[in-house]
Protein backbone atom coordinates (compact mmCIF):
# COMPACT_ATOMS: atom_id res chain seq x y z
CA MET A 1 168.35 33.98 -49.36
CA ASN A 2 166.21 30.86 -49.88
CA LEU A 3 167.48 29.08 -46.77
CA PRO A 4 166.44 30.70 -43.48
CA PRO A 5 169.22 31.46 -40.96
CA THR A 6 167.39 29.45 -38.29
CA GLY A 7 164.76 26.75 -38.35
CA ARG A 8 161.06 27.59 -38.59
CA THR A 9 158.10 26.14 -36.69
CA VAL A 10 155.61 23.74 -38.22
CA ASP A 11 152.78 26.27 -37.87
CA ASP A 12 154.85 28.92 -39.62
CA LEU A 13 155.71 26.55 -42.46
CA LEU A 14 152.13 25.41 -42.97
CA ALA A 15 150.94 29.01 -43.03
CA GLU A 16 153.39 29.70 -45.83
CA VAL A 17 152.32 26.59 -47.70
CA ALA A 18 148.75 27.90 -47.58
CA ARG A 19 149.95 31.25 -48.94
CA LEU A 20 151.91 29.58 -51.73
CA LYS A 21 148.83 27.58 -52.75
CA GLU A 22 146.64 30.69 -52.95
CA HIS A 23 146.43 30.60 -56.77
CA ASP A 24 146.38 26.78 -57.13
CA LEU A 25 143.47 24.99 -58.71
CA PRO A 26 141.38 23.11 -56.12
CA VAL A 27 142.09 19.38 -55.99
CA ARG A 28 138.71 18.36 -54.58
CA GLY A 29 135.12 18.95 -55.63
CA GLY A 30 135.20 18.28 -59.38
CA GLN A 31 135.53 21.86 -60.66
CA VAL A 32 138.97 21.04 -62.09
CA THR A 33 138.33 18.67 -64.97
CA ALA A 34 141.94 17.54 -65.53
CA TYR A 35 145.05 16.65 -63.54
CA VAL A 36 143.23 15.55 -60.37
CA TYR A 37 140.91 12.62 -59.62
CA ASP A 38 138.45 12.76 -56.77
CA THR A 39 136.25 10.07 -55.26
CA GLY A 40 134.38 12.59 -53.14
CA ARG A 41 135.03 10.33 -50.16
CA ALA A 42 137.07 11.92 -47.39
CA GLU A 43 137.71 8.60 -45.62
CA VAL A 44 139.50 7.22 -48.70
CA ASN A 45 141.74 10.29 -48.91
CA ASP A 46 142.49 9.95 -45.20
CA ALA A 47 143.46 6.27 -45.51
CA ALA A 48 145.75 7.01 -48.45
CA THR A 49 147.39 9.97 -46.71
CA ARG A 50 148.09 8.02 -43.54
CA ALA A 51 149.56 5.04 -45.38
CA TYR A 52 151.58 7.35 -47.63
CA LEU A 53 153.12 9.05 -44.59
CA GLU A 54 153.74 5.72 -42.88
CA MET A 55 155.78 4.54 -45.90
CA LEU A 56 157.29 7.94 -46.72
CA GLU A 57 160.82 7.21 -45.48
CA VAL A 58 160.95 3.60 -46.66
CA ASN A 59 163.32 3.30 -49.64
CA CYS A 60 162.29 1.09 -52.56
CA LEU A 61 165.93 0.84 -53.66
CA ASP A 62 166.57 -2.46 -51.87
CA PRO A 63 163.56 -4.75 -51.40
CA THR A 64 165.62 -7.10 -49.22
CA ALA A 65 166.03 -4.29 -46.70
CA PHE A 66 162.34 -3.40 -46.70
CA PRO A 67 160.20 -6.49 -47.33
CA SER A 68 157.04 -4.38 -46.84
CA VAL A 69 157.76 -2.91 -50.28
CA VAL A 70 157.73 -6.35 -51.88
CA GLU A 71 154.47 -7.42 -50.24
CA MET A 72 152.67 -4.18 -50.99
CA GLU A 73 153.84 -4.18 -54.60
CA ARG A 74 152.77 -7.79 -55.05
CA GLN A 75 149.29 -6.95 -53.82
CA VAL A 76 148.95 -3.76 -55.88
CA VAL A 77 150.34 -5.27 -59.08
CA GLY A 78 148.27 -8.39 -58.47
CA ALA A 79 145.07 -6.36 -58.23
CA VAL A 80 145.84 -4.71 -61.57
CA ALA A 81 146.74 -8.05 -63.15
CA ASP A 82 143.47 -9.56 -61.92
CA LEU A 83 141.58 -6.77 -63.68
CA LEU A 84 143.61 -6.66 -66.91
CA GLY A 85 144.17 -10.23 -68.02
CA GLY A 86 147.08 -11.38 -65.85
CA GLY A 87 150.72 -10.70 -66.50
CA HIS A 88 153.88 -9.80 -64.63
CA GLY A 89 154.21 -6.26 -63.38
CA VAL A 90 156.25 -3.37 -62.09
CA PHE A 91 155.03 -0.52 -59.86
CA THR A 92 156.23 2.81 -61.26
CA SER A 93 155.90 6.52 -60.54
CA GLY A 94 153.41 7.20 -63.35
CA GLY A 95 152.38 6.58 -66.92
CA THR A 96 155.47 8.18 -68.40
CA GLU A 97 157.79 5.87 -66.47
CA SER A 98 155.63 2.84 -67.30
CA ILE A 99 155.80 3.75 -70.98
CA MET A 100 159.53 4.44 -70.77
CA LEU A 101 160.13 0.95 -69.37
CA ALA A 102 157.87 -0.71 -71.94
CA VAL A 103 159.79 0.96 -74.77
CA LYS A 104 163.14 0.08 -73.15
CA ALA A 105 162.18 -3.58 -72.84
CA ALA A 106 161.03 -3.73 -76.46
CA ARG A 107 164.14 -1.94 -77.71
CA ASP A 108 166.52 -4.16 -75.76
CA ARG A 109 164.79 -7.39 -76.79
CA ALA A 110 164.60 -6.42 -80.47
CA ALA A 111 168.19 -5.09 -80.74
CA ARG A 112 167.49 -3.28 -84.01
CA PRO A 113 170.18 -0.93 -85.36
CA ARG A 114 167.64 1.79 -86.25
CA PRO A 115 164.67 1.05 -83.94
CA ASN A 116 161.33 2.71 -84.53
CA LEU A 117 158.03 2.90 -82.68
CA VAL A 118 154.74 2.88 -84.63
CA LEU A 119 151.91 4.77 -82.94
CA PRO A 120 148.79 6.84 -83.68
CA VAL A 121 149.07 10.65 -83.70
CA THR A 122 146.72 10.55 -80.70
CA ALA A 123 149.14 8.45 -78.62
CA HIS A 124 150.40 10.18 -75.50
CA PRO A 125 153.58 12.30 -75.83
CA ALA A 126 155.17 10.05 -73.20
CA PHE A 127 156.01 7.72 -76.12
CA HIS A 128 157.79 10.57 -77.89
CA LYS A 129 159.64 11.32 -74.67
CA ALA A 130 160.65 7.68 -74.25
CA ALA A 131 161.78 7.52 -77.86
CA HIS A 132 163.81 10.71 -77.43
CA TYR A 133 165.55 9.41 -74.31
CA LEU A 134 166.12 5.90 -75.67
CA GLY A 135 167.24 6.68 -79.21
CA VAL A 136 164.15 5.36 -80.95
CA ARG A 137 162.47 6.97 -83.98
CA VAL A 138 158.72 7.65 -83.85
CA VAL A 139 156.57 6.70 -86.84
CA ALA A 140 153.20 8.41 -86.28
CA VAL A 141 150.17 7.32 -88.29
CA PRO A 142 146.95 9.32 -88.76
CA VAL A 143 143.59 8.57 -87.18
CA ASP A 144 140.16 8.56 -88.76
CA LEU A 145 138.88 12.14 -88.41
CA GLU A 146 135.32 10.99 -87.67
CA THR A 147 136.04 8.33 -85.06
CA TYR A 148 139.50 9.61 -83.96
CA LYS A 149 140.67 5.97 -83.89
CA VAL A 150 143.74 4.59 -85.61
CA ARG A 151 143.14 2.21 -88.52
CA ALA A 152 144.88 -1.16 -88.40
CA GLY A 153 145.69 -0.91 -92.11
CA ASP A 154 147.63 2.31 -91.55
CA VAL A 155 149.56 0.67 -88.74
CA GLU A 156 150.34 -2.34 -90.94
CA ARG A 157 151.73 -0.13 -93.71
CA ALA A 158 153.94 1.73 -91.22
CA VAL A 159 155.56 -1.36 -89.67
CA ASP A 160 158.93 -2.31 -91.13
CA GLU A 161 161.96 -4.43 -90.24
CA ASP A 162 163.16 -1.84 -87.70
CA THR A 163 159.89 -1.59 -85.76
CA ILE A 164 160.34 -2.61 -82.13
CA MET A 165 156.81 -1.89 -80.87
CA VAL A 166 153.31 -0.97 -82.01
CA VAL A 167 151.07 1.15 -79.77
CA ALA A 168 147.30 1.38 -79.28
CA SER A 169 145.42 3.47 -76.72
CA ALA A 170 142.56 2.45 -74.44
CA PRO A 171 141.43 5.15 -74.53
CA SER A 172 143.44 7.84 -76.27
CA TYR A 173 143.45 10.88 -74.02
CA PRO A 174 142.40 13.64 -76.47
CA GLN A 175 138.94 12.30 -77.40
CA GLY A 176 138.44 9.38 -75.02
CA VAL A 177 138.00 6.73 -77.73
CA ILE A 178 139.46 3.23 -77.74
CA ASP A 179 141.68 2.23 -80.63
CA PRO A 180 140.82 -1.12 -82.29
CA VAL A 181 143.17 -3.00 -79.99
CA ALA A 182 142.44 -6.50 -81.30
CA GLU A 183 143.07 -5.45 -84.91
CA VAL A 184 146.22 -3.50 -84.11
CA ALA A 185 147.57 -6.33 -81.93
CA ALA A 186 146.92 -8.82 -84.74
CA VAL A 187 148.95 -6.65 -87.12
CA ALA A 188 151.79 -6.52 -84.58
CA ALA A 189 151.68 -10.26 -83.95
CA ALA A 190 151.76 -11.03 -87.67
CA ALA A 191 154.90 -8.89 -87.96
CA GLY A 192 156.47 -10.46 -84.87
CA VAL A 193 156.44 -7.14 -83.04
CA PRO A 194 155.30 -6.41 -79.44
CA CYS A 195 152.07 -4.45 -79.00
CA HIS A 196 151.75 -2.10 -76.04
CA VAL A 197 148.34 -0.85 -74.94
CA ASP A 198 148.46 2.53 -73.27
CA ALA A 199 145.69 2.16 -70.72
CA CYS A 200 147.23 4.66 -68.32
CA VAL A 201 143.89 6.49 -68.18
CA GLY A 202 141.55 3.61 -68.91
CA GLY A 203 143.15 0.56 -67.37
CA TRP A 204 141.50 0.96 -63.99
CA LEU A 205 138.41 2.68 -65.40
CA LEU A 206 137.15 0.69 -68.37
CA PRO A 207 136.50 -2.61 -66.50
CA TRP A 208 134.28 -0.77 -64.00
CA LEU A 209 132.47 1.10 -66.79
CA ARG A 210 131.87 -2.25 -68.48
CA GLU A 211 130.48 -3.64 -65.23
CA ALA A 212 128.18 -0.59 -65.05
CA GLY A 213 126.79 -1.36 -68.52
CA ALA A 214 129.07 0.45 -70.95
CA ALA A 215 130.03 -1.27 -74.21
CA VAL A 216 133.78 -1.64 -73.73
CA PRO A 217 135.65 -3.78 -76.29
CA PRO A 218 138.45 -6.14 -75.20
CA PHE A 219 141.69 -4.20 -74.73
CA ASP A 220 143.90 -5.89 -72.14
CA LEU A 221 146.41 -8.75 -71.95
CA SER A 222 143.66 -11.25 -72.73
CA VAL A 223 143.68 -9.94 -76.32
CA PRO A 224 145.96 -12.06 -78.55
CA GLY A 225 149.02 -10.09 -79.57
CA VAL A 226 148.95 -7.60 -76.69
CA THR A 227 152.30 -7.99 -74.95
CA SER A 228 152.25 -5.16 -72.39
CA ILE A 229 149.84 -2.65 -70.88
CA SER A 230 150.21 0.40 -68.63
CA CYS A 231 147.66 1.43 -66.01
CA ASP A 232 147.87 4.50 -63.76
CA LEU A 233 146.41 4.07 -60.30
CA HIS A 234 146.72 7.80 -59.57
CA LYS A 235 144.04 8.39 -62.19
CA PHE A 236 140.88 6.31 -61.88
CA GLY A 237 142.38 4.20 -59.12
CA TYR A 238 142.18 7.49 -57.15
CA ALA A 239 145.54 6.87 -55.46
CA PRO A 240 147.90 9.74 -54.57
CA LYS A 241 150.18 10.87 -57.37
CA GLY A 242 153.14 8.68 -58.19
CA ALA A 243 151.33 5.36 -58.78
CA SER A 244 151.25 3.34 -62.00
CA VAL A 245 151.60 -0.31 -62.98
CA LEU A 246 153.21 -1.77 -66.09
CA LEU A 247 152.21 -5.35 -66.93
CA PHE A 248 154.00 -7.70 -69.34
CA ALA A 249 152.50 -10.90 -70.72
CA ASP A 250 155.96 -12.51 -70.72
CA PRO A 251 158.16 -12.39 -67.60
CA ALA A 252 161.23 -12.24 -69.86
CA MET A 253 160.00 -8.88 -71.15
CA ARG A 254 159.67 -7.65 -67.58
CA ARG A 255 163.26 -8.66 -66.96
CA ALA A 256 164.28 -6.66 -70.04
CA ALA A 257 162.80 -3.57 -68.39
CA TYR A 258 165.11 -3.97 -65.39
CA PHE A 259 168.54 -2.35 -65.06
CA ALA A 260 171.45 -3.97 -63.24
CA SER A 261 175.05 -2.90 -62.83
CA GLY A 262 177.92 -4.84 -61.31
CA ALA A 263 180.66 -2.66 -62.78
CA TRP A 264 181.59 -0.73 -59.66
CA PRO A 265 182.89 -1.51 -56.16
CA GLY A 266 179.82 -0.24 -54.29
CA TYR A 267 176.46 -1.66 -53.24
CA THR A 268 174.51 -4.00 -55.52
CA VAL A 269 172.50 -2.08 -58.13
CA ILE A 270 169.38 -3.69 -59.55
CA ASN A 271 166.45 -1.43 -60.44
CA ALA A 272 162.99 -2.37 -61.62
CA THR A 273 162.28 1.27 -62.53
CA VAL A 274 164.08 4.28 -63.97
CA GLN A 275 164.55 5.62 -60.47
CA SER A 276 166.89 4.08 -57.94
CA SER A 277 166.20 5.54 -54.50
CA ARG A 278 162.52 6.36 -54.26
CA SER A 279 160.04 6.75 -51.46
CA ALA A 280 157.57 3.95 -50.82
CA GLY A 281 154.99 6.62 -49.94
CA PRO A 282 153.18 6.44 -53.31
CA LEU A 283 153.12 2.63 -53.07
CA GLY A 284 151.63 2.82 -49.58
CA GLY A 285 149.08 5.38 -50.73
CA ALA A 286 148.06 3.24 -53.71
CA TRP A 287 147.80 0.10 -51.60
CA ALA A 288 145.64 1.86 -49.00
CA THR A 289 143.36 3.40 -51.64
CA LEU A 290 142.69 0.01 -53.26
CA GLN A 291 142.08 -1.60 -49.89
CA SER A 292 139.88 1.27 -48.68
CA LEU A 293 137.57 1.27 -51.70
CA GLY A 294 137.51 -2.44 -52.54
CA ARG A 295 135.52 -3.94 -55.39
CA ASP A 296 132.20 -2.49 -54.25
CA GLY A 297 133.64 1.01 -53.95
CA TYR A 298 135.11 0.96 -57.44
CA ALA A 299 131.95 -0.51 -58.90
CA GLU A 300 129.91 2.34 -57.40
CA LEU A 301 132.39 4.92 -58.69
CA GLY A 302 132.14 3.30 -62.12
CA ARG A 303 128.34 3.62 -62.12
CA ALA A 304 128.50 7.26 -61.02
CA THR A 305 131.17 8.07 -63.59
CA LEU A 306 129.23 6.46 -66.43
CA GLU A 307 126.03 8.32 -65.52
CA ALA A 308 127.85 11.64 -65.20
CA THR A 309 129.50 11.12 -68.60
CA ARG A 310 126.14 10.39 -70.24
CA ARG A 311 124.61 13.53 -68.72
CA LEU A 312 127.57 15.64 -69.77
CA ARG A 313 127.45 14.45 -73.38
CA ALA A 314 123.70 14.98 -73.58
CA GLY A 315 124.00 18.42 -72.01
CA LEU A 316 126.77 19.52 -74.36
CA ALA A 317 124.65 18.47 -77.33
CA GLY A 318 122.04 20.97 -76.17
CA ILE A 319 124.38 23.98 -75.99
CA PRO A 320 124.33 25.97 -79.25
CA GLY A 321 127.64 26.07 -81.09
CA LEU A 322 129.28 23.16 -79.23
CA ARG A 323 129.79 19.59 -80.42
CA VAL A 324 131.37 16.52 -78.86
CA LEU A 325 134.23 15.06 -80.90
CA GLY A 326 133.73 11.41 -81.82
CA ARG A 327 131.86 8.94 -79.64
CA PRO A 328 133.75 8.74 -76.34
CA GLU A 329 133.90 5.20 -74.93
CA SER A 330 135.33 6.22 -71.58
CA SER A 331 134.75 9.19 -69.29
CA LEU A 332 137.00 11.54 -71.28
CA VAL A 333 134.96 14.00 -73.34
CA ALA A 334 136.27 16.62 -75.78
CA PHE A 335 134.13 19.29 -77.39
CA ALA A 336 134.82 21.85 -80.09
CA GLY A 337 133.08 25.12 -80.96
CA ASP A 338 131.52 25.95 -84.32
CA ASP A 339 130.89 29.64 -83.65
CA VAL A 340 132.57 29.84 -80.26
CA ASP A 341 136.27 30.31 -79.59
CA VAL A 342 136.96 27.45 -77.18
CA PHE A 343 140.06 29.14 -75.80
CA VAL A 344 137.99 32.18 -74.81
CA LEU A 345 135.34 29.83 -73.42
CA ALA A 346 138.00 28.22 -71.20
CA ASP A 347 139.02 31.60 -69.79
CA GLU A 348 135.38 32.47 -69.13
CA ALA A 349 134.86 29.18 -67.31
CA ARG A 350 138.03 29.76 -65.28
CA ALA A 351 136.69 33.15 -64.21
CA ARG A 352 133.58 31.29 -62.95
CA GLY A 353 135.68 28.85 -60.91
CA TRP A 354 135.87 25.93 -63.36
CA PHE A 355 138.91 24.59 -65.22
CA LEU A 356 138.35 23.08 -68.67
CA GLN A 357 141.52 21.80 -70.35
CA PRO A 358 142.37 23.39 -73.72
CA GLN A 359 143.70 21.11 -76.46
CA LEU A 360 145.40 22.52 -79.56
CA SER A 361 144.51 21.50 -83.09
CA TYR A 362 146.73 18.87 -84.67
CA ALA A 363 146.70 16.43 -87.60
CA GLY A 364 143.28 17.59 -88.75
CA ILE A 365 141.71 17.48 -85.28
CA PRO A 366 140.27 20.90 -84.31
CA ALA A 367 141.11 22.87 -81.18
CA ASN A 368 138.84 21.74 -78.36
CA LEU A 369 138.27 21.56 -74.62
CA HIS A 370 138.75 18.38 -72.65
CA VAL A 371 136.79 17.19 -69.62
CA THR A 372 137.81 14.22 -67.49
CA VAL A 373 134.73 12.93 -65.66
CA THR A 374 135.54 11.32 -62.29
CA GLY A 375 133.62 9.76 -59.45
CA VAL A 376 132.76 13.13 -57.91
CA THR A 377 131.48 14.71 -61.15
CA LEU A 378 127.93 13.36 -60.95
CA ALA A 379 127.10 15.63 -58.01
CA GLY A 380 128.14 18.71 -60.00
CA VAL A 381 127.49 17.85 -63.64
CA GLU A 382 124.48 20.17 -63.95
CA ALA A 383 126.47 23.03 -62.43
CA MET A 384 129.28 22.31 -64.90
CA LEU A 385 126.88 22.38 -67.86
CA LYS A 386 125.42 25.66 -66.63
CA VAL A 387 128.90 27.20 -66.47
CA ILE A 388 129.81 25.86 -69.92
CA ALA A 389 126.61 27.30 -71.40
CA GLU A 390 127.17 30.68 -69.74
CA SER A 391 130.83 30.69 -70.76
CA ALA A 392 129.95 29.80 -74.35
CA GLY A 393 127.51 32.71 -74.46
CA ALA A 394 130.09 35.08 -73.03
CA ALA A 395 132.74 33.83 -75.46
CA ARG A 396 130.38 34.35 -78.36
CA GLU A 397 129.79 37.95 -77.25
CA ARG A 398 133.51 38.60 -76.84
CA GLY A 399 134.31 37.02 -80.17
CA PRO A 400 137.41 35.05 -81.08
CA VAL A 401 140.91 36.13 -80.13
CA VAL A 402 142.31 38.65 -82.60
CA LEU A 403 146.09 38.53 -82.61
CA PRO A 404 148.21 41.57 -83.47
CA ASP A 405 149.17 41.61 -87.13
CA GLY A 406 152.36 39.68 -87.73
CA LEU A 407 152.61 38.22 -84.21
CA VAL A 408 152.46 34.57 -85.29
CA GLU A 409 155.00 35.17 -88.05
CA LEU A 410 157.23 37.02 -85.61
CA VAL A 411 157.18 34.16 -83.11
CA ALA A 412 157.68 31.55 -85.83
CA GLU A 413 160.75 33.37 -87.14
CA LEU A 414 162.30 34.23 -83.78
CA ASP A 415 165.63 32.75 -82.87
CA LEU A 416 164.37 31.66 -79.47
CA ALA A 417 167.78 30.35 -78.48
CA ALA A 418 169.14 33.89 -78.75
CA LEU A 419 166.55 35.30 -76.31
CA ASP A 420 167.28 35.25 -72.61
CA ASP A 421 164.45 34.58 -70.15
CA ALA A 422 163.93 38.28 -69.41
CA ALA A 423 163.46 39.10 -73.11
CA PHE A 424 161.02 36.22 -73.55
CA ALA A 425 159.06 37.39 -70.48
CA GLU A 426 158.81 40.85 -72.07
CA LEU A 427 157.49 39.28 -75.27
CA ALA A 428 154.86 37.39 -73.27
CA ALA A 429 153.89 40.57 -71.41
CA SER A 430 153.35 42.35 -74.72
CA VAL A 431 150.38 40.06 -75.40
CA GLY A 432 149.04 40.32 -71.85
CA VAL A 433 150.65 37.30 -70.21
CA ASP A 434 152.35 38.19 -66.93
CA LEU A 435 154.79 35.45 -65.93
CA ARG A 436 156.21 37.20 -62.87
CA PRO A 437 156.19 35.22 -59.60
CA GLY A 438 152.97 35.78 -57.67
CA ALA A 439 151.10 37.20 -60.67
CA GLY A 440 148.51 34.44 -60.50
CA GLN A 441 146.87 32.70 -63.44
CA PRO A 442 146.78 34.84 -66.61
CA GLU A 443 144.08 34.50 -69.24
CA MET A 444 145.41 31.92 -71.65
CA ALA A 445 143.26 32.43 -74.77
CA VAL A 446 145.90 34.57 -76.50
CA VAL A 447 148.71 32.14 -75.64
CA ASN A 448 146.70 29.14 -76.82
CA THR A 449 145.69 30.93 -80.02
CA VAL A 450 149.32 31.74 -80.82
CA LEU A 451 150.41 28.17 -80.05
CA ASP A 452 147.55 26.80 -82.13
CA ALA A 453 148.74 28.78 -85.15
CA LEU A 454 152.34 27.52 -84.93
CA PRO A 455 153.79 24.30 -86.32
CA ALA A 456 154.54 21.64 -83.72
CA PRO A 457 158.34 22.13 -83.54
CA VAL A 458 157.90 25.87 -82.90
CA ARG A 459 155.18 25.18 -80.32
CA GLU A 460 157.63 22.96 -78.50
CA ALA A 461 160.37 25.58 -78.53
CA VAL A 462 157.98 28.24 -77.22
CA LEU A 463 156.72 25.93 -74.46
CA VAL A 464 160.29 25.22 -73.34
CA ARG A 465 160.97 28.95 -73.06
CA PHE A 466 157.64 29.50 -71.27
CA LEU A 467 158.58 26.90 -68.65
CA SER A 468 162.06 28.34 -68.30
CA VAL A 469 160.63 31.77 -67.51
CA VAL A 470 158.08 30.38 -65.07
CA TYR A 471 160.88 28.75 -63.04
CA ALA A 472 163.40 31.57 -63.43
CA SER A 473 164.69 32.82 -60.08
């Protein structure tokens, strides 16, 4: 019975929350190098939390009922527009929703019978998700395997009469490099096609890195041909989760992102986002974070982030067997192993209290580990490098993962649709991965090695089954 027969006290509930979080990664301190963003400033977190709670029950569905939503959104979107070349914006729940709306607007304005989206293989999967939901075909083009950037010539050759949008990343998440936005946008403009810059990670970071002395090329709405840009404030804006901004150069494109319906006898329906009813808590948290830090606060975080990134890259270069991929232009750093199994290294680091994000090989890019450097990283960068060096040594001693003979072929040939969740859980357990509730975090090197050996469509099918088992009741 999931619902208790009688109500429980607040203290009882909070005690259970603490128990449920026992195996969670820590969200503060910088030892988790993905998923969370930390300023290291408790007063900023406190301001965001209080404002979030204050706006928690306010519904963004009808801005005429809650004018606070309109004013807060104007200020938040305005701050992003000031930083990224102007434009007309929408506050959304995250990068995926921002990208979804950008693709919707481009699709609806173009009205092509067989719409396609041209993007680099390093573009975020949110574009694939948007294309899947919106009936758009993805045309993925390769990147240069030395710089990990897309080439404008490859984009130009991929654009055709059905292309509704071209995408560039600033930066691309996997290796933290900035696509040649000006060149890609020029190709799009010449073809009469919108160009979206995915700056979900970099939009609120790159301007502050530039101010701190980094060489950051133009990438925003000031670049000719760039028609929209996405920027997540719950990343380097350090706002609570659920905060992103989508900017359009043309207000008519913003209107194309909206949804309205008058074909029913109920209340007026006009939505700026995919969601209808939604809490204003994330908006309040984002607003308070921006106000709490201010320009000086973000400038200082930019300086600390840039210095930490430089130290991390230099330190990785000194660890035998490891190499940084490309020349990161942001604070996202990926490194591969020449004689070190990076998946084993990640498990070793996890055992030492640090999370390094594994990335599978794809399109000629080797398997690697990803580190997102944030404002709090500078205080712990030497400790991180020490753990990486120790973990690399331990991984070298353990050797690479050796999979049972025929396992990859077995998984590739399985009719996964015919397996129920219990049978899939047994298969996972046979390679040492316990997915039972409360089992804690298993070592993932075997799982990642299997996934890395599979073609992308099979990876996706396996991941769907993995998630299904994790949430099975």
